[in-house]
C-alpha atoms as a PDB file:
ATOM      1  CA  MET A   1    -154.740  11.706 100.967  1.00  0.00           C
ATOM      2  CA  PHE A   2    -152.154   9.254 101.657  1.00  0.00           C
ATOM      3  CA  PRO A   3    -148.768  10.004 102.304  1.00  0.00           C
ATOM      4  CA  HIS A   4    -146.916   8.581  99.017  1.00  0.00           C
ATOM      5  CA  LEU A   5    -143.378   9.049  99.899  1.00  0.00           C
ATOM      6  CA  ARG A   6    -143.856   7.365 103.276  1.00  0.00           C
ATOM      7  CA  LEU A   7    -145.633   4.448 101.845  1.00  0.00           C
ATOM      8  CA  TRP A   8    -143.167   4.106  98.991  1.00  0.00           C
ATOM      9  CA  LEU A   9    -140.172   4.273 101.422  1.00  0.00           C
ATOM     10  CA  ILE A  10    -141.485   1.678 103.560  1.00  0.00           C
ATOM     11  CA  ALA A  11    -142.286  -0.801 100.988  1.00  0.00           C
ATOM     12  CA  LEU A  12    -138.807  -0.283  99.392  1.00  0.00           C
ATOM     13  CA  TRP A  13    -137.091  -0.464 102.660  1.00  0.00           C
ATOM     14  CA  THR A  14    -138.844  -3.505 104.287  1.00  0.00           C
ATOM     15  CA  SER A  15    -138.596  -5.493 100.829  1.00  0.00           C
ATOM     16  CA  SER A  16    -134.974  -4.539 100.538  1.00  0.00           C
ATOM     17  CA  VAL A  17    -134.214  -6.017 104.056  1.00  0.00           C
ATOM     18  CA  ALA A  18    -136.385  -8.876 103.884  1.00  0.00           C
ATOM     19  CA  GLY A  19    -134.623  -9.786 100.544  1.00  0.00           C
ATOM     20  CA  ALA A  20    -131.258  -9.610 101.914  1.00  0.00           C
ATOM     21  CA  VAL A  21    -132.157 -11.873 104.919  1.00  0.00           C
ATOM     22  CA  VAL A  22    -133.408 -14.407 102.433  1.00  0.00           C
ATOM     23  CA  ILE A  23    -130.689 -14.276 100.224  1.00  0.00           C
ATOM     24  CA  LEU A  24    -128.180 -14.519 103.039  1.00  0.00           C
ATOM     25  CA  ASN A  25    -130.127 -17.597 104.489  1.00  0.00           C
ATOM     26  CA  LEU A  26    -130.752 -19.340 101.168  1.00  0.00           C
ATOM     27  CA  SER A  27    -126.721 -19.066 100.780  1.00  0.00           C
ATOM     28  CA  LEU A  28    -126.095 -20.477 103.936  1.00  0.00           C
ATOM     29  CA  GLY A  29    -128.190 -23.575 103.018  1.00  0.00           C
ATOM     30  CA  HIS A  30    -131.197 -22.721 105.321  1.00  0.00           C
ATOM     31  CA  TYR A  31    -134.224 -24.001 103.097  1.00  0.00           C
ATOM     32  CA  THR A  32    -137.013 -23.925 105.687  1.00  0.00           C
ATOM     33  CA  LEU A  33    -140.070 -21.995 106.445  1.00  0.00           C
ATOM     34  CA  ALA A  34    -138.217 -20.085 109.311  1.00  0.00           C
ATOM     35  CA  THR A  35    -135.918 -18.487 106.791  1.00  0.00           C
ATOM     36  CA  PHE A  36    -138.805 -16.546 105.186  1.00  0.00           C
ATOM     37  CA  LEU A  37    -140.385 -15.776 108.535  1.00  0.00           C
ATOM     38  CA  TRP A  38    -137.146 -14.350 109.871  1.00  0.00           C
ATOM     39  CA  ALA A  39    -136.928 -12.243 106.864  1.00  0.00           C
ATOM     40  CA  ALA A  40    -140.229 -10.813 107.287  1.00  0.00           C
ATOM     41  CA  ILE A  41    -139.720  -9.964 110.820  1.00  0.00           C
ATOM     42  CA  ALA A  42    -136.551  -8.288 109.986  1.00  0.00           C
ATOM     43  CA  GLY A  43    -137.952  -6.642 107.161  1.00  0.00           C
ATOM     44  CA  LEU A  44    -140.344  -4.925 109.485  1.00  0.00           C
ATOM     45  CA  VAL A  45    -138.193  -4.481 112.534  1.00  0.00           C
ATOM     46  CA  ILE A  46    -135.289  -2.986 110.422  1.00  0.00           C
ATOM     47  CA  GLY A  47    -137.255  -1.530 107.468  1.00  0.00           C
ATOM     48  CA  VAL A  48    -139.945   0.362 108.895  1.00  0.00           C
ATOM     49  CA  PRO A  49    -137.791   2.592 111.233  1.00  0.00           C
ATOM     50  CA  ALA A  50    -135.263   3.275 108.495  1.00  0.00           C
ATOM     51  CA  ALA A  51    -137.848   4.097 105.963  1.00  0.00           C
ATOM     52  CA  LEU A  52    -139.339   6.729 108.531  1.00  0.00           C
ATOM     53  CA  LEU A  53    -135.797   8.017 109.124  1.00  0.00           C
ATOM     54  CA  ASN A  54    -135.262   8.497 105.464  1.00  0.00           C
ATOM     55  CA  TRP A  55    -138.735  10.177 105.130  1.00  0.00           C
ATOM     56  CA  ALA A  56    -137.760  12.481 107.971  1.00  0.00           C
ATOM     57  CA  TYR A  57    -134.693  13.313 106.352  1.00  0.00           C
ATOM     58  CA  LEU A  58    -136.213  13.711 102.817  1.00  0.00           C
ATOM     59  CA  ARG A  59    -139.320  15.567 103.897  1.00  0.00           C
ATOM     60  CA  PRO A  60    -138.059  18.771 105.308  1.00  0.00           C
ATOM     61  CA  ASN A  61    -136.044  19.528 102.070  1.00  0.00           C
ATOM     62  CA  ARG A  62    -138.764  18.994  99.954  1.00  0.00           C
ATOM     63  CA  ALA A  63    -141.087  21.328 102.208  1.00  0.00           C
ATOM     64  CA  ARG A  64    -138.460  24.233 101.927  1.00  0.00           C
ATOM     65  CA  GLN A  65    -138.110  23.881  97.991  1.00  0.00           C
ATOM     66  CA  VAL A  66    -142.237  23.348  97.343  1.00  0.00           C
ATOM     67  CA  GLY A  67    -143.470  25.483 100.035  1.00  0.00           C
ATOM     68  CA  ILE A  68    -146.872  25.061 101.794  1.00  0.00           C
ATOM     69  CA  LEU A  69    -149.503  23.063  99.496  1.00  0.00           C
ATOM     70  CA  GLY A  70    -147.143  23.065  96.409  1.00  0.00           C
ATOM     71  CA  GLN A  71    -146.688  26.547  96.324  1.00  0.00           C
ATOM     72  CA  ALA A  72    -143.408  28.393  95.627  1.00  0.00           C
ATOM     73  CA  PRO A  73    -142.118  29.993  98.907  1.00  0.00           C
ATOM     74  CA  PRO A  74    -141.971  33.866  98.595  1.00  0.00           C
ATOM     75  CA  ASP A  75    -138.579  35.496  97.896  1.00  0.00           C
ATOM     76  CA  ARG A  76    -136.873  36.757 100.839  1.00  0.00           C
ATOM     77  CA  THR A  77    -134.802  39.834 100.245  1.00  0.00           C
END
């Protein structure tokens, strides 16, 4: 089974960072292929670690709420 949360977070973070770099460079007047290459590199270098850190933050919270294999955790009294 694919880790859907991780894949979505990586796609969102990398595309967001790359888009911000493209917008910054285009607004500065850089209209070359290097603009898009730098955006892709920045998206991968910054976006993937940020997505994995975000996943590491979100996943334990979800695991505590849902439990193992989607079962509700037993009540502790």
